[in-house]
PDB file of N, CA and C in Angstrom:
ATOM      1  N   MET A   1     110.248 123.571 136.956  1.00  0.00           N
ATOM      2  CA  MET A   1     110.817 123.609 135.477  1.00  0.00           C
ATOM      3  C   MET A   1     109.923 124.833 134.531  1.00  0.00           C
ATOM      4  N   SER A   2     110.938 125.091 133.832  1.00  0.00           N
ATOM      5  CA  SER A   2     111.151 126.026 132.733  1.00  0.00           C
ATOM      6  C   SER A   2     111.030 125.874 131.471  1.00  0.00           C
ATOM      7  N   LEU A   3     110.302 125.889 130.235  1.00  0.00           N
ATOM      8  CA  LEU A   3     110.111 125.526 129.005  1.00  0.00           C
ATOM      9  C   LEU A   3     111.361 125.189 128.001  1.00  0.00           C
ATOM     10  N   SER A   4     112.319 125.729 129.279  1.00  0.00           N
ATOM     11  CA  SER A   4     114.030 125.701 127.875  1.00  0.00           C
ATOM     12  C   SER A   4     114.366 124.362 128.290  1.00  0.00           C
ATOM     13  N   SER A   5     113.572 123.255 129.190  1.00  0.00           N
ATOM     14  CA  SER A   5     113.778 121.832 129.590  1.00  0.00           C
ATOM     15  C   SER A   5     112.734 121.172 128.764  1.00  0.00           C
ATOM     16  N   LEU A   6     111.901 121.483 127.898  1.00  0.00           N
ATOM     17  CA  LEU A   6     110.994 120.939 126.969  1.00  0.00           C
ATOM     18  C   LEU A   6     111.057 121.094 125.818  1.00  0.00           C
ATOM     19  N   LYS A   7     112.402 121.738 125.574  1.00  0.00           N
ATOM     20  CA  LYS A   7     113.375 121.283 124.026  1.00  0.00           C
ATOM     21  C   LYS A   7     113.315 119.904 123.075  1.00  0.00           C
ATOM     22  N   LYS A   8     113.356 119.435 121.679  1.00  0.00           N
ATOM     23  CA  LYS A   8     112.792 119.345 121.088  1.00  0.00           C
ATOM     24  C   LYS A   8     114.210 117.790 121.221  1.00  0.00           C
ATOM     25  N   SER A   9     114.310 117.089 121.652  1.00  0.00           N
ATOM     26  CA  SER A   9     115.672 116.237 121.792  1.00  0.00           C
ATOM     27  C   SER A   9     115.823 115.366 120.645  1.00  0.00           C
ATOM     28  N   ALA A  10     116.990 114.650 120.202  1.00  0.00           N
ATOM     29  CA  ALA A  10     117.519 113.893 118.848  1.00  0.00           C
ATOM     30  C   ALA A  10     116.733 112.270 119.510  1.00  0.00           C
ATOM     31  N   PRO A  11     116.389 112.293 118.701  1.00  0.00           N
ATOM     32  CA  PRO A  11     115.264 110.831 119.079  1.00  0.00           C
ATOM     33  C   PRO A  11     116.599 109.970 119.335  1.00  0.00           C
ATOM     34  N   SER A  12     116.039 108.891 120.730  1.00  0.00           N
ATOM     35  CA  SER A  12     116.908 107.992 121.118  1.00  0.00           C
ATOM     36  C   SER A  12     116.882 106.492 120.017  1.00  0.00           C
ATOM     37  N   ALA A  13     115.964 105.777 119.849  1.00  0.00           N
ATOM     38  CA  ALA A  13     116.528 105.169 118.501  1.00  0.00           C
ATOM     39  C   ALA A  13     116.204 105.393 117.130  1.00  0.00           C
ATOM     40  N   GLU A  14     117.223 104.742 116.152  1.00  0.00           N
ATOM     41  CA  GLU A  14     116.934 105.302 115.205  1.00  0.00           C
ATOM     42  C   GLU A  14     115.490 104.111 113.932  1.00  0.00           C
ATOM     43  N   VAL A  15     115.169 104.595 113.261  1.00  0.00           N
ATOM     44  CA  VAL A  15     114.422 104.522 112.969  1.00  0.00           C
ATOM     45  C   VAL A  15     114.266 103.473 112.288  1.00  0.00           C
ATOM     46  N   LYS A  16     113.649 102.232 112.190  1.00  0.00           N
ATOM     47  CA  LYS A  16     113.742 100.741 111.448  1.00  0.00           C
ATOM     48  C   LYS A  16     112.731 100.597 109.916  1.00  0.00           C
ATOM     49  N   ARG A  17     113.338 101.179 108.709  1.00  0.00           N
ATOM     50  CA  ARG A  17     111.924 100.579 107.763  1.00  0.00           C
ATOM     51  C   ARG A  17     111.977  99.541 107.587  1.00  0.00           C
ATOM     52  N   VAL A  18     109.976  99.758 107.491  1.00  0.00           N
ATOM     53  CA  VAL A  18     109.610  97.658 106.951  1.00  0.00           C
ATOM     54  C   VAL A  18     109.022  97.775 106.248  1.00  0.00           C
ATOM     55  N   THR A  19     108.982  96.742 105.350  1.00  0.00           N
ATOM     56  CA  THR A  19     107.573  95.972 103.966  1.00  0.00           C
ATOM     57  C   THR A  19     106.462  96.486 105.281  1.00  0.00           C
ATOM     58  N   VAL A  20     105.408  96.581 104.019  1.00  0.00           N
ATOM     59  CA  VAL A  20     103.729  96.369 104.419  1.00  0.00           C
ATOM     60  C   VAL A  20     103.326  95.261 105.194  1.00  0.00           C
ATOM     61  N   ASP A  21     104.197  93.949 104.143  1.00  0.00           N
ATOM     62  CA  ASP A  21     103.784  92.536 105.140  1.00  0.00           C
ATOM     63  C   ASP A  21     105.084  92.603 106.153  1.00  0.00           C
ATOM     64  N   GLU A  22     105.772  93.234 106.148  1.00  0.00           N
ATOM     65  CA  GLU A  22     106.729  92.709 107.544  1.00  0.00           C
ATOM     66  C   GLU A  22     106.059  93.898 108.875  1.00  0.00           C
ATOM     67  N   PHE A  23     105.129  94.592 108.811  1.00  0.00           N
ATOM     68  CA  PHE A  23     104.501  94.758 109.561  1.00  0.00           C
ATOM     69  C   PHE A  23     103.828  94.399 109.615  1.00  0.00           C
ATOM     70  N   ILE A  24     103.173  94.192 108.545  1.00  0.00           N
ATOM     71  CA  ILE A  24     101.173  92.924 109.288  1.00  0.00           C
ATOM     72  C   ILE A  24     102.450  91.391 109.717  1.00  0.00           C
ATOM     73  N   GLN A  25     103.067  90.934 109.350  1.00  0.00           N
ATOM     74  CA  GLN A  25     103.985  89.587 110.085  1.00  0.00           C
ATOM     75  C   GLN A  25     104.030  89.915 111.396  1.00  0.00           C
ATOM     76  N   GLY A  26     104.704  91.362 112.194  1.00  0.00           N
ATOM     77  CA  GLY A  26     105.254  92.040 113.484  1.00  0.00           C
ATOM     78  C   GLY A  26     104.134  91.690 113.810  1.00  0.00           C
ATOM     79  N   ALA A  27     103.004  92.595 113.640  1.00  0.00           N
ATOM     80  CA  ALA A  27     101.366  92.952 113.414  1.00  0.00           C
ATOM     81  C   ALA A  27     100.643  90.851 114.418  1.00  0.00           C
ATOM     82  N   GLU A  28     100.871  90.343 113.651  1.00  0.00           N
ATOM     83  CA  GLU A  28     100.294  89.318 114.216  1.00  0.00           C
ATOM     84  C   GLU A  28     101.064  88.258 114.588  1.00  0.00           C
ATOM     85  N   LEU A  29     102.478  88.565 115.123  1.00  0.00           N
ATOM     86  CA  LEU A  29     103.135  88.354 116.064  1.00  0.00           C
ATOM     87  C   LEU A  29     102.545  88.227 117.375  1.00  0.00           C
ATOM     88  N   TYR A  30     102.894  89.683 117.451  1.00  0.00           N
ATOM     89  CA  TYR A  30     102.894  90.665 118.647  1.00  0.00           C
ATOM     90  C   TYR A  30     101.110  90.160 119.066  1.00  0.00           C
ATOM     91  N   ALA A  31     100.089  90.266 118.044  1.00  0.00           N
ATOM     92  CA  ALA A  31      98.922  89.262 118.858  1.00  0.00           C
ATOM     93  C   ALA A  31      98.811  88.051 119.088  1.00  0.00           C
ATOM     94  N   CYS A  32      99.983  87.319 118.898  1.00  0.00           N
ATOM     95  CA  CYS A  32      99.804  85.976 119.735  1.00  0.00           C
ATOM     96  C   CYS A  32     100.550  85.824 120.658  1.00  0.00           C
ATOM     97  N   GLY A  33     101.163  87.264 121.015  1.00  0.00           N
ATOM     98  CA  GLY A  33     102.182  86.951 122.567  1.00  0.00           C
ATOM     99  C   GLY A  33     103.666  86.401 121.764  1.00  0.00           C
ATOM    100  N   LEU A  34     104.360  86.189 120.298  1.00  0.00           N
ATOM    101  CA  LEU A  34     105.439  86.188 119.704  1.00  0.00           C
ATOM    102  C   LEU A  34     106.077  86.894 119.504  1.00  0.00           C
ATOM    103  N   ALA A  35     107.417  86.717 119.512  1.00  0.00           N
ATOM    104  CA  ALA A  35     108.652  87.851 119.248  1.00  0.00           C
ATOM    105  C   ALA A  35     108.661  87.423 117.583  1.00  0.00           C
ATOM    106  N   LEU A  36     109.536  88.542 117.320  1.00  0.00           N
ATOM    107  CA  LEU A  36     109.189  89.055 115.748  1.00  0.00           C
ATOM    108  C   LEU A  36     110.805  88.508 116.187  1.00  0.00           C
ATOM    109  N   VAL A  37     111.095  87.521 114.855  1.00  0.00           N
ATOM    110  CA  VAL A  37     112.412  86.720 115.096  1.00  0.00           C
ATOM    111  C   VAL A  37     113.211  87.455 113.306  1.00  0.00           C
ATOM    112  N   PRO A  38     114.513  88.093 113.547  1.00  0.00           N
ATOM    113  CA  PRO A  38     114.718  89.165 111.729  1.00  0.00           C
ATOM    114  C   PRO A  38     114.703  87.667 110.888  1.00  0.00           C
ATOM    115  N   SER A  39     114.990  87.551 110.093  1.00  0.00           N
ATOM    116  CA  SER A  39     114.186  87.286 108.795  1.00  0.00           C
ATOM    117  C   SER A  39     116.027  87.053 107.944  1.00  0.00           C
ATOM    118  N   THR A  40     116.213  85.631 107.262  1.00  0.00           N
ATOM    119  CA  THR A  40     117.815  85.727 106.553  1.00  0.00           C
ATOM    120  C   THR A  40     117.289  85.316 105.762  1.00  0.00           C
ATOM    121  N   GLU A  41     115.940  85.319 105.390  1.00  0.00           N
ATOM    122  CA  GLU A  41     115.539  84.785 103.781  1.00  0.00           C
ATOM    123  C   GLU A  41     116.288  85.675 102.818  1.00  0.00           C
ATOM    124  N   ASN A  42     115.920  85.582 101.840  1.00  0.00           N
ATOM    125  CA  ASN A  42     115.985  86.794 100.579  1.00  0.00           C
ATOM    126  C   ASN A  42     114.802  87.860 100.627  1.00  0.00           C
ATOM    127  N   LYS A  43     115.641  88.633 100.811  1.00  0.00           N
ATOM    128  CA  LYS A  43     114.069  89.790 100.384  1.00  0.00           C
ATOM    129  C   LYS A  43     113.295  90.108  99.608  1.00  0.00           C
ATOM    130  N   VAL A  44     111.357  89.684  98.823  1.00  0.00           N
ATOM    131  CA  VAL A  44     111.545  89.336  97.746  1.00  0.00           C
ATOM    132  C   VAL A  44     111.465  90.850  97.135  1.00  0.00           C
ATOM    133  N   ALA A  45     112.222  91.208  95.638  1.00  0.00           N
ATOM    134  CA  ALA A  45     112.477  92.646  94.994  1.00  0.00           C
ATOM    135  C   ALA A  45     111.295  92.300  94.066  1.00  0.00           C
ATOM    136  N   THR A  46     110.498  93.465  94.405  1.00  0.00           N
ATOM    137  CA  THR A  46     109.721  94.199  93.829  1.00  0.00           C
ATOM    138  C   THR A  46     110.124  95.054  93.076  1.00  0.00           C
ATOM    139  N   GLN A  47     109.425  95.516  91.716  1.00  0.00           N
ATOM    140  CA  GLN A  47     108.787  96.469  90.477  1.00  0.00           C
ATOM    141  C   GLN A  47     108.105  97.241  90.541  1.00  0.00           C
ATOM    142  N   GLY A  48     108.353  98.555  91.582  1.00  0.00           N
ATOM    143  CA  GLY A  48     107.481  98.947  91.009  1.00  0.00           C
ATOM    144  C   GLY A  48     106.168  98.715  92.670  1.00  0.00           C
ATOM    145  N   PRO A  49     104.965  99.428  91.817  1.00  0.00           N
ATOM    146  CA  PRO A  49     104.328  98.570  93.140  1.00  0.00           C
ATOM    147  C   PRO A  49     103.591  97.490  92.719  1.00  0.00           C
ATOM    148  N   MET A  50     102.739  97.444  94.102  1.00  0.00           N
ATOM    149  CA  MET A  50     101.973  95.152  93.820  1.00  0.00           C
ATOM    150  C   MET A  50     100.996  95.818  93.089  1.00  0.00           C
ATOM    151  N   LYS A  51     100.502  94.574  92.544  1.00  0.00           N
ATOM    152  CA  LYS A  51      99.730  94.524  91.692  1.00  0.00           C
ATOM    153  C   LYS A  51      98.361  93.844  92.309  1.00  0.00           C
ATOM    154  N   LYS A  52      97.490  93.919  92.886  1.00  0.00           N
ATOM    155  CA  LYS A  52      96.101  92.358  92.585  1.00  0.00           C
ATOM    156  C   LYS A  52      96.450  91.355  91.813  1.00  0.00           C
ATOM    157  N   ALA A  53      96.494  90.022  92.073  1.00  0.00           N
ATOM    158  CA  ALA A  53      95.675  89.116  91.082  1.00  0.00           C
ATOM    159  C   ALA A  53      94.923  88.539  91.566  1.00  0.00           C
ATOM    160  N   THR A  54      93.947  88.062  90.744  1.00  0.00           N
ATOM    161  CA  THR A  54      92.714  87.297  90.584  1.00  0.00           C
ATOM    162  C   THR A  54      92.890  85.818  90.793  1.00  0.00           C
ATOM    163  N   PHE A  55      93.737  84.354  91.649  1.00  0.00           N
ATOM    164  CA  PHE A  55      93.329  83.000  90.916  1.00  0.00           C
ATOM    165  C   PHE A  55      92.717  82.156  91.578  1.00  0.00           C
ATOM    166  N   THR A  56      92.345  81.421  91.416  1.00  0.00           N
ATOM    167  CA  THR A  56      91.369  81.105  91.550  1.00  0.00           C
ATOM    168  C   THR A  56      92.597  78.789  92.505  1.00  0.00           C
ATOM    169  N   LEU A  57      91.777  78.297  93.274  1.00  0.00           N
ATOM    170  CA  LEU A  57      92.955  77.478  94.399  1.00  0.00           C
ATOM    171  C   LEU A  57      91.488  76.742  94.203  1.00  0.00           C
ATOM    172  N   GLY A  58      91.699  74.883  94.814  1.00  0.00           N
ATOM    173  CA  GLY A  58      91.308  74.414  94.937  1.00  0.00           C
ATOM    174  C   GLY A  58      90.698  73.950  96.651  1.00  0.00           C
ATOM    175  N   LYS A  59      90.322  73.919  97.431  1.00  0.00           N
ATOM    176  CA  LYS A  59      89.738  73.934  98.766  1.00  0.00           C
ATOM    177  C   LYS A  59      90.723  73.469  99.432  1.00  0.00           C
ATOM    178  N   VAL A  60      91.444  72.117  99.349  1.00  0.00           N
ATOM    179  CA  VAL A  60      92.687  71.443  99.671  1.00  0.00           C
ATOM    180  C   VAL A  60      93.907  72.674  99.852  1.00  0.00           C
ATOM    181  N   ALA A  61      94.519  73.619  98.326  1.00  0.00           N
ATOM    182  CA  ALA A  61      95.694  74.239  98.411  1.00  0.00           C
ATOM    183  C   ALA A  61      95.122  75.216  99.264  1.00  0.00           C
ATOM    184  N   ILE A  62      93.530  75.603  99.724  1.00  0.00           N
ATOM    185  CA  ILE A  62      93.797  76.782 100.618  1.00  0.00           C
ATOM    186  C   ILE A  62      93.778  75.967 102.008  1.00  0.00           C
ATOM    187  N   ALA A  63      93.086  75.094 101.908  1.00  0.00           N
ATOM    188  CA  ALA A  63      93.377  74.346 103.164  1.00  0.00           C
ATOM    189  C   ALA A  63      95.310  74.708 104.334  1.00  0.00           C
ATOM    190  N   LYS A  64      95.717  73.856 102.761  1.00  0.00           N
ATOM    191  CA  LYS A  64      97.100  74.337 103.044  1.00  0.00           C
ATOM    192  C   LYS A  64      97.878  75.264 102.663  1.00  0.00           C
ATOM    193  N   LEU A  65      97.257  76.170 102.451  1.00  0.00           N
ATOM    194  CA  LEU A  65      97.744  77.602 102.561  1.00  0.00           C
ATOM    195  C   LEU A  65      97.414  78.606 103.517  1.00  0.00           C
ATOM    196  N   ASN A  66      96.724  77.411 104.005  1.00  0.00           N
ATOM    197  CA  ASN A  66      95.599  78.702 105.341  1.00  0.00           C
ATOM    198  C   ASN A  66      96.628  77.993 106.844  1.00  0.00           C
ATOM    199  N   ALA A  67      96.601  76.982 106.895  1.00  0.00           N
ATOM    200  CA  ALA A  67      97.713  76.012 107.926  1.00  0.00           C
ATOM    201  C   ALA A  67      99.103  76.942 107.560  1.00  0.00           C
ATOM    202  N   LEU A  68     100.101  76.167 106.664  1.00  0.00           N
ATOM    203  CA  LEU A  68     100.549  77.603 106.453  1.00  0.00           C
ATOM    204  C   LEU A  68     101.410  78.832 106.900  1.00  0.00           C
ATOM    205  N   SER A  69     100.057  79.506 106.340  1.00  0.00           N
ATOM    206  CA  SER A  69      99.944  80.404 106.985  1.00  0.00           C
ATOM    207  C   SER A  69      99.863  81.267 108.777  1.00  0.00           C
ATOM    208  N   ALA A  70      99.564  79.967 108.908  1.00  0.00           N
ATOM    209  CA  ALA A  70      98.658  79.769 110.635  1.00  0.00           C
ATOM    210  C   ALA A  70     100.090  79.476 110.982  1.00  0.00           C
ATOM    211  N   ASN A  71     100.791  78.905 110.850  1.00  0.00           N
ATOM    212  CA  ASN A  71     101.836  77.700 111.730  1.00  0.00           C
ATOM    213  C   ASN A  71     103.237  78.335 111.208  1.00  0.00           C
ATOM    214  N   THR A  72     103.211  79.469 110.455  1.00  0.00           N
ATOM    215  CA  THR A  72     104.530  80.461 110.459  1.00  0.00           C
ATOM    216  C   THR A  72     104.657  81.800 110.544  1.00  0.00           C
ATOM    217  N   GLY A  73     103.280  82.301 110.764  1.00  0.00           N
ATOM    218  CA  GLY A  73     103.007  83.630 110.933  1.00  0.00           C
ATOM    219  C   GLY A  73     102.988  84.522 109.677  1.00  0.00           C
ATOM    220  N   ILE A  74     102.862  83.664 108.542  1.00  0.00           N
ATOM    221  CA  ILE A  74     103.448  84.726 107.667  1.00  0.00           C
ATOM    222  C   ILE A  74     102.513  84.831 106.338  1.00  0.00           C
ATOM    223  N   ALA A  75     101.876  86.459 106.145  1.00  0.00           N
ATOM    224  CA  ALA A  75     100.815  86.238 105.491  1.00  0.00           C
ATOM    225  C   ALA A  75     100.891  85.649 104.192  1.00  0.00           C
ATOM    226  N   LYS A  76      99.368  85.045 104.213  1.00  0.00           N
ATOM    227  CA  LYS A  76      99.743  83.898 102.495  1.00  0.00           C
ATOM    228  C   LYS A  76     100.068  84.469 101.389  1.00  0.00           C
ATOM    229  N   SER A  77      99.740  86.212 101.023  1.00  0.00           N
ATOM    230  CA  SER A  77     100.403  86.733  99.787  1.00  0.00           C
ATOM    231  C   SER A  77     101.425  86.472 100.023  1.00  0.00           C
ATOM    232  N   ARG A  78     102.532  87.028 101.176  1.00  0.00           N
ATOM    233  CA  ARG A  78     103.507  87.023 100.859  1.00  0.00           C
ATOM    234  C   ARG A  78     104.249  85.431 100.662  1.00  0.00           C
ATOM    235  N   LEU A  79     103.375  84.087 101.542  1.00  0.00           N
ATOM    236  CA  LEU A  79     103.729  82.953 100.737  1.00  0.00           C
ATOM    237  C   LEU A  79     103.700  82.439  99.624  1.00  0.00           C
ATOM    238  N   ILE A  80     103.822  83.367  98.712  1.00  0.00           N
ATOM    239  CA  ILE A  80     102.680  82.993  97.860  1.00  0.00           C
ATOM    240  C   ILE A  80     103.786  83.774  97.078  1.00  0.00           C
ATOM    241  N   ARG A  81     104.225  85.111  97.229  1.00  0.00           N
ATOM    242  CA  ARG A  81     105.573  85.815  96.741  1.00  0.00           C
ATOM    243  C   ARG A  81     107.036  84.647  96.782  1.00  0.00           C
ATOM    244  N   ILE A  82     107.168  84.589  97.661  1.00  0.00           N
ATOM    245  CA  ILE A  82     107.853  83.356  97.898  1.00  0.00           C
ATOM    246  C   ILE A  82     108.524  82.623  97.848  1.00  0.00           C
ATOM    247  N   TRP A  83     106.775  81.775  97.012  1.00  0.00           N
ATOM    248  CA  TRP A  83     106.586  80.513  96.415  1.00  0.00           C
ATOM    249  C   TRP A  83     107.156  81.230  95.093  1.00  0.00           C
ATOM    250  N   LEU A  84     107.133  81.415  94.751  1.00  0.00           N
ATOM    251  CA  LEU A  84     107.033  82.284  92.960  1.00  0.00           C
ATOM    252  C   LEU A  84     108.589  82.395  92.735  1.00  0.00           C
ATOM    253  N   ASP A  85     108.950  83.168  93.558  1.00  0.00           N
ATOM    254  CA  ASP A  85     109.878  83.564  93.452  1.00  0.00           C
ATOM    255  C   ASP A  85     111.510  82.459  94.168  1.00  0.00           C
ATOM    256  N   ASN A  86     110.533  80.888  95.079  1.00  0.00           N
ATOM    257  CA  ASN A  86     111.368  80.169  95.311  1.00  0.00           C
ATOM    258  C   ASN A  86     111.073  79.323  93.440  1.00  0.00           C
ATOM    259  N   GLN A  87     110.419  79.369  93.452  1.00  0.00           N
ATOM    260  CA  GLN A  87     110.299  78.631  92.194  1.00  0.00           C
ATOM    261  C   GLN A  87     111.333  79.180  90.102  1.00  0.00           C
ATOM    262  N   ALA A  88     110.618  80.400  90.310  1.00  0.00           N
ATOM    263  CA  ALA A  88     111.591  81.188  89.135  1.00  0.00           C
ATOM    264  C   ALA A  88     113.628  80.950  89.640  1.00  0.00           C
ATOM    265  N   ALA A  89     113.904  81.300  91.127  1.00  0.00           N
ATOM    266  CA  ALA A  89     115.103  80.955  90.836  1.00  0.00           C
ATOM    267  C   ALA A  89     115.265  79.484  90.705  1.00  0.00           C
ATOM    268  N   HIS A  90     114.492  78.284  91.243  1.00  0.00           N
ATOM    269  CA  HIS A  90     114.770  77.235  90.590  1.00  0.00           C
ATOM    270  C   HIS A  90     114.995  77.136  89.276  1.00  0.00           C
ATOM    271  N   TYR A  91     114.020  77.413  89.003  1.00  0.00           N
ATOM    272  CA  TYR A  91     113.937  77.028  86.635  1.00  0.00           C
ATOM    273  C   TYR A  91     115.209  77.363  86.579  1.00  0.00           C
ATOM    274  N   THR A  92     115.290  78.448  86.778  1.00  0.00           N
ATOM    275  CA  THR A  92     116.795  79.182  86.509  1.00  0.00           C
ATOM    276  C   THR A  92     118.358  78.480  86.640  1.00  0.00           C
ATOM    277  N   GLU A  93     118.241  77.607  87.621  1.00  0.00           N
ATOM    278  CA  GLU A  93     119.402  76.798  87.352  1.00  0.00           C
ATOM    279  C   GLU A  93     119.142  75.756  86.504  1.00  0.00           C
ATOM    280  N   THR A  94     117.616  75.062  86.522  1.00  0.00           N
ATOM    281  CA  THR A  94     117.835  74.643  85.927  1.00  0.00           C
ATOM    282  C   THR A  94     117.577  73.882  84.331  1.00  0.00           C
ATOM    283  N   HIS A  95     117.508  75.422  83.852  1.00  0.00           N
ATOM    284  CA  HIS A  95     117.471  75.327  82.241  1.00  0.00           C
ATOM    285  C   HIS A  95     118.468  76.728  81.611  1.00  0.00           C
TER     286      HIS A  95
END
């Protein structure tokens, strides 16, 4: 074996860019032994970097959000963004 056989070659696979939420969701599914299914839902549009938001939910709402997150494998923050996106779309259609 010579050093010429150690040349850097082109990558064999194309790099797919993912959002932080998609990465976390994939990691959670992988940890549970599940496969990641490509999402056909609309991507949540963001305008620049995300900002933290603080709000209060009751125990029932928190329990529902936790259960939904556990059942779907989607992060709670992403679920809230999806819900907001759907509500905004519904509001625009009705008004």
